[in-house]
Amino acid sequence: MAETVELVRFTVDPDRRDEFLRLRPAAINALRNAHSGLIEAWLVEQDDGTFIDLVHWRSREEAVAAAAAFPQIQAAQEWLSTIAEVNEMVHATLVDAR
């Protein structure tokens, strides 16, 4: 099993940005509780206001299963409601981390 990184690029309505940031920790904690393969999660904001969520998983299988189940998690539903548009979601094999 190769470690995997999930990359999700999306936008948030500027009027809901604070709510989005406030709800994210609970969503990530709920995801971690439901799927033990989550290693780390980073959120970055680009200069244009686009967000990128980078989630490090123990395996691609765990990442794909968690992505499918995430919308059914209550805390995730609340957080996802603040996202205006998902522009990209990919899973990629982690080749090197230092």
C-alpha atoms as a PDB file:
ATOM      1  CA  MET A   1       0.000   0.000   0.000  1.00  0.00           C
ATOM      2  CA  ALA A   2       1.473   3.295  -1.096  1.00  0.00           C
ATOM      3  CA  GLU A   3       0.769   6.444   0.845  1.00  0.00           C
ATOM      4  CA  THR A   4      -1.533   8.767  -1.054  1.00  0.00           C
ATOM      5  CA  VAL A   5      -2.208  12.484  -1.157  1.00  0.00           C
ATOM      6  CA  GLU A   6      -5.678  13.759  -1.912  1.00  0.00           C
ATOM      7  CA  LEU A   7      -5.710  17.217  -3.495  1.00  0.00           C
ATOM      8  CA  VAL A   8      -8.956  19.155  -3.647  1.00  0.00           C
ATOM      9  CA  ARG A   9      -9.046  22.643  -5.177  1.00  0.00           C
ATOM     10  CA  PHE A  10     -12.186  24.674  -4.522  1.00  0.00           C
ATOM     11  CA  THR A  11     -13.715  28.079  -3.920  1.00  0.00           C
ATOM     12  CA  VAL A  12     -15.693  29.407  -0.990  1.00  0.00           C
ATOM     13  CA  ASP A  13     -18.213  32.222  -1.114  1.00  0.00           C
ATOM     14  CA  PRO A  14     -16.334  35.175   0.436  1.00  0.00           C
ATOM     15  CA  ASP A  15     -19.332  35.842   2.720  1.00  0.00           C
ATOM     16  CA  ARG A  16     -18.944  32.346   4.188  1.00  0.00           C
ATOM     17  CA  ARG A  17     -15.134  32.277   4.521  1.00  0.00           C
ATOM     18  CA  ASP A  18     -15.113  32.685   8.314  1.00  0.00           C
ATOM     19  CA  GLU A  19     -17.757  29.978   8.716  1.00  0.00           C
ATOM     20  CA  PHE A  20     -15.783  27.702   6.378  1.00  0.00           C
ATOM     21  CA  LEU A  21     -12.610  28.130   8.468  1.00  0.00           C
ATOM     22  CA  ARG A  22     -14.483  27.697  11.748  1.00  0.00           C
ATOM     23  CA  LEU A  23     -16.155  24.432  10.640  1.00  0.00           C
ATOM     24  CA  ARG A  24     -13.113  22.761   9.072  1.00  0.00           C
ATOM     25  CA  PRO A  25     -11.455  21.425  12.262  1.00  0.00           C
ATOM     26  CA  ALA A  26     -14.611  19.551  13.261  1.00  0.00           C
ATOM     27  CA  ALA A  27     -14.977  18.119   9.753  1.00  0.00           C
ATOM     28  CA  ILE A  28     -11.361  16.907   9.695  1.00  0.00           C
ATOM     29  CA  ASN A  29     -11.639  15.466  13.217  1.00  0.00           C
ATOM     30  CA  ALA A  30     -14.830  13.617  12.272  1.00  0.00           C
ATOM     31  CA  LEU A  31     -13.135  12.292   9.134  1.00  0.00           C
ATOM     32  CA  ARG A  32     -10.136  11.146  11.170  1.00  0.00           C
ATOM     33  CA  ASN A  33     -12.425   9.421  13.691  1.00  0.00           C
ATOM     34  CA  ALA A  34     -14.270   7.605  10.905  1.00  0.00           C
ATOM     35  CA  HIS A  35     -11.152   6.742   8.851  1.00  0.00           C
ATOM     36  CA  SER A  36      -7.971   5.929  10.732  1.00  0.00           C
ATOM     37  CA  GLY A  37      -5.872   6.096   7.557  1.00  0.00           C
ATOM     38  CA  LEU A  38      -5.817   9.901   7.620  1.00  0.00           C
ATOM     39  CA  ILE A  39      -2.274  10.964   8.504  1.00  0.00           C
ATOM     40  CA  GLU A  40      -2.345  14.752   8.099  1.00  0.00           C
ATOM     41  CA  ALA A  41      -4.459  17.429   6.464  1.00  0.00           C
ATOM     42  CA  TRP A  42      -3.290  20.845   5.289  1.00  0.00           C
ATOM     43  CA  LEU A  43      -5.405  23.701   4.003  1.00  0.00           C
ATOM     44  CA  VAL A  44      -3.812  26.417   1.897  1.00  0.00           C
ATOM     45  CA  GLU A  45      -5.291  29.544   0.381  1.00  0.00           C
ATOM     46  CA  GLN A  46      -3.952  30.883  -2.888  1.00  0.00           C
ATOM     47  CA  ASP A  47      -3.629  34.595  -3.627  1.00  0.00           C
ATOM     48  CA  ASP A  48      -6.770  34.442  -5.792  1.00  0.00           C
ATOM     49  CA  GLY A  49      -8.848  33.128  -2.859  1.00  0.00           C
ATOM     50  CA  THR A  50      -8.929  29.535  -4.121  1.00  0.00           C
ATOM     51  CA  PHE A  51      -8.368  26.920  -1.427  1.00  0.00           C
ATOM     52  CA  ILE A  52      -6.432  23.679  -1.732  1.00  0.00           C
ATOM     53  CA  ASP A  53      -6.963  20.892   0.759  1.00  0.00           C
ATOM     54  CA  LEU A  54      -4.088  18.404   0.867  1.00  0.00           C
ATOM     55  CA  VAL A  55      -4.866  15.250   2.806  1.00  0.00           C
ATOM     56  CA  HIS A  56      -2.181  12.638   3.429  1.00  0.00           C
ATOM     57  CA  TRP A  57      -3.518   9.064   3.601  1.00  0.00           C
ATOM     58  CA  ARG A  58      -1.943   5.749   4.525  1.00  0.00           C
ATOM     59  CA  SER A  59      -3.235   4.236   1.243  1.00  0.00           C
ATOM     60  CA  ARG A  60      -5.196   5.083  -1.896  1.00  0.00           C
ATOM     61  CA  GLU A  61      -7.894   2.609  -0.887  1.00  0.00           C
ATOM     62  CA  GLU A  62      -8.455   4.453   2.397  1.00  0.00           C
ATOM     63  CA  ALA A  63      -8.458   7.824   0.631  1.00  0.00           C
ATOM     64  CA  VAL A  64     -11.042   6.735  -1.929  1.00  0.00           C
ATOM     65  CA  ALA A  65     -13.268   5.113   0.715  1.00  0.00           C
ATOM     66  CA  ALA A  66     -13.108   8.212   2.904  1.00  0.00           C
ATOM     67  CA  ALA A  67     -13.889  10.522  -0.031  1.00  0.00           C
ATOM     68  CA  ALA A  68     -17.000   8.476  -0.782  1.00  0.00           C
ATOM     69  CA  ALA A  69     -18.144   8.466   2.857  1.00  0.00           C
ATOM     70  CA  PHE A  70     -17.218  12.074   3.725  1.00  0.00           C
ATOM     71  CA  PRO A  71     -20.508  13.662   2.549  1.00  0.00           C
ATOM     72  CA  GLN A  72     -22.465  11.411   4.942  1.00  0.00           C
ATOM     73  CA  ILE A  73     -20.605  12.668   8.039  1.00  0.00           C
ATOM     74  CA  GLN A  74     -22.642  15.345   9.858  1.00  0.00           C
ATOM     75  CA  ALA A  75     -19.723  17.703  10.546  1.00  0.00           C
ATOM     76  CA  ALA A  76     -18.580  17.274   6.957  1.00  0.00           C
ATOM     77  CA  GLN A  77     -22.035  18.153   5.607  1.00  0.00           C
ATOM     78  CA  GLU A  78     -21.991  21.446   7.483  1.00  0.00           C
ATOM     79  CA  TRP A  79     -18.498  22.267   6.248  1.00  0.00           C
ATOM     80  CA  LEU A  80     -19.191  21.177   2.669  1.00  0.00           C
ATOM     81  CA  SER A  81     -22.195  23.500   2.562  1.00  0.00           C
ATOM     82  CA  THR A  82     -19.776  26.455   2.707  1.00  0.00           C
ATOM     83  CA  ILE A  83     -17.933  25.376  -0.460  1.00  0.00           C
ATOM     84  CA  ALA A  84     -19.135  27.169  -3.586  1.00  0.00           C
ATOM     85  CA  GLU A  85     -17.441  25.023  -6.237  1.00  0.00           C
ATOM     86  CA  VAL A  86     -15.016  22.113  -6.359  1.00  0.00           C
ATOM     87  CA  ASN A  87     -12.634  22.691  -9.258  1.00  0.00           C
ATOM     88  CA  GLU A  88     -10.493  19.579  -8.931  1.00  0.00           C
ATOM     89  CA  MET A  89     -10.153  16.449  -6.812  1.00  0.00           C
ATOM     90  CA  VAL A  90      -7.372  13.940  -7.394  1.00  0.00           C
ATOM     91  CA  HIS A  91      -5.576  11.157  -5.561  1.00  0.00           C
ATOM     92  CA  ALA A  92      -1.863  10.751  -6.208  1.00  0.00           C
ATOM     93  CA  THR A  93       0.798   8.395  -4.906  1.00  0.00           C
ATOM     94  CA  LEU A  94       3.225   9.988  -2.484  1.00  0.00           C
ATOM     95  CA  VAL A  95       6.699   9.509  -3.924  1.00  0.00           C
ATOM     96  CA  ASP A  96       8.860  11.492  -1.491  1.00  0.00           C
ATOM     97  CA  ALA A  97       8.317  13.399   1.765  1.00  0.00           C
ATOM     98  CA  ARG A  98      11.016  14.971   3.870  1.00  0.00           C
END
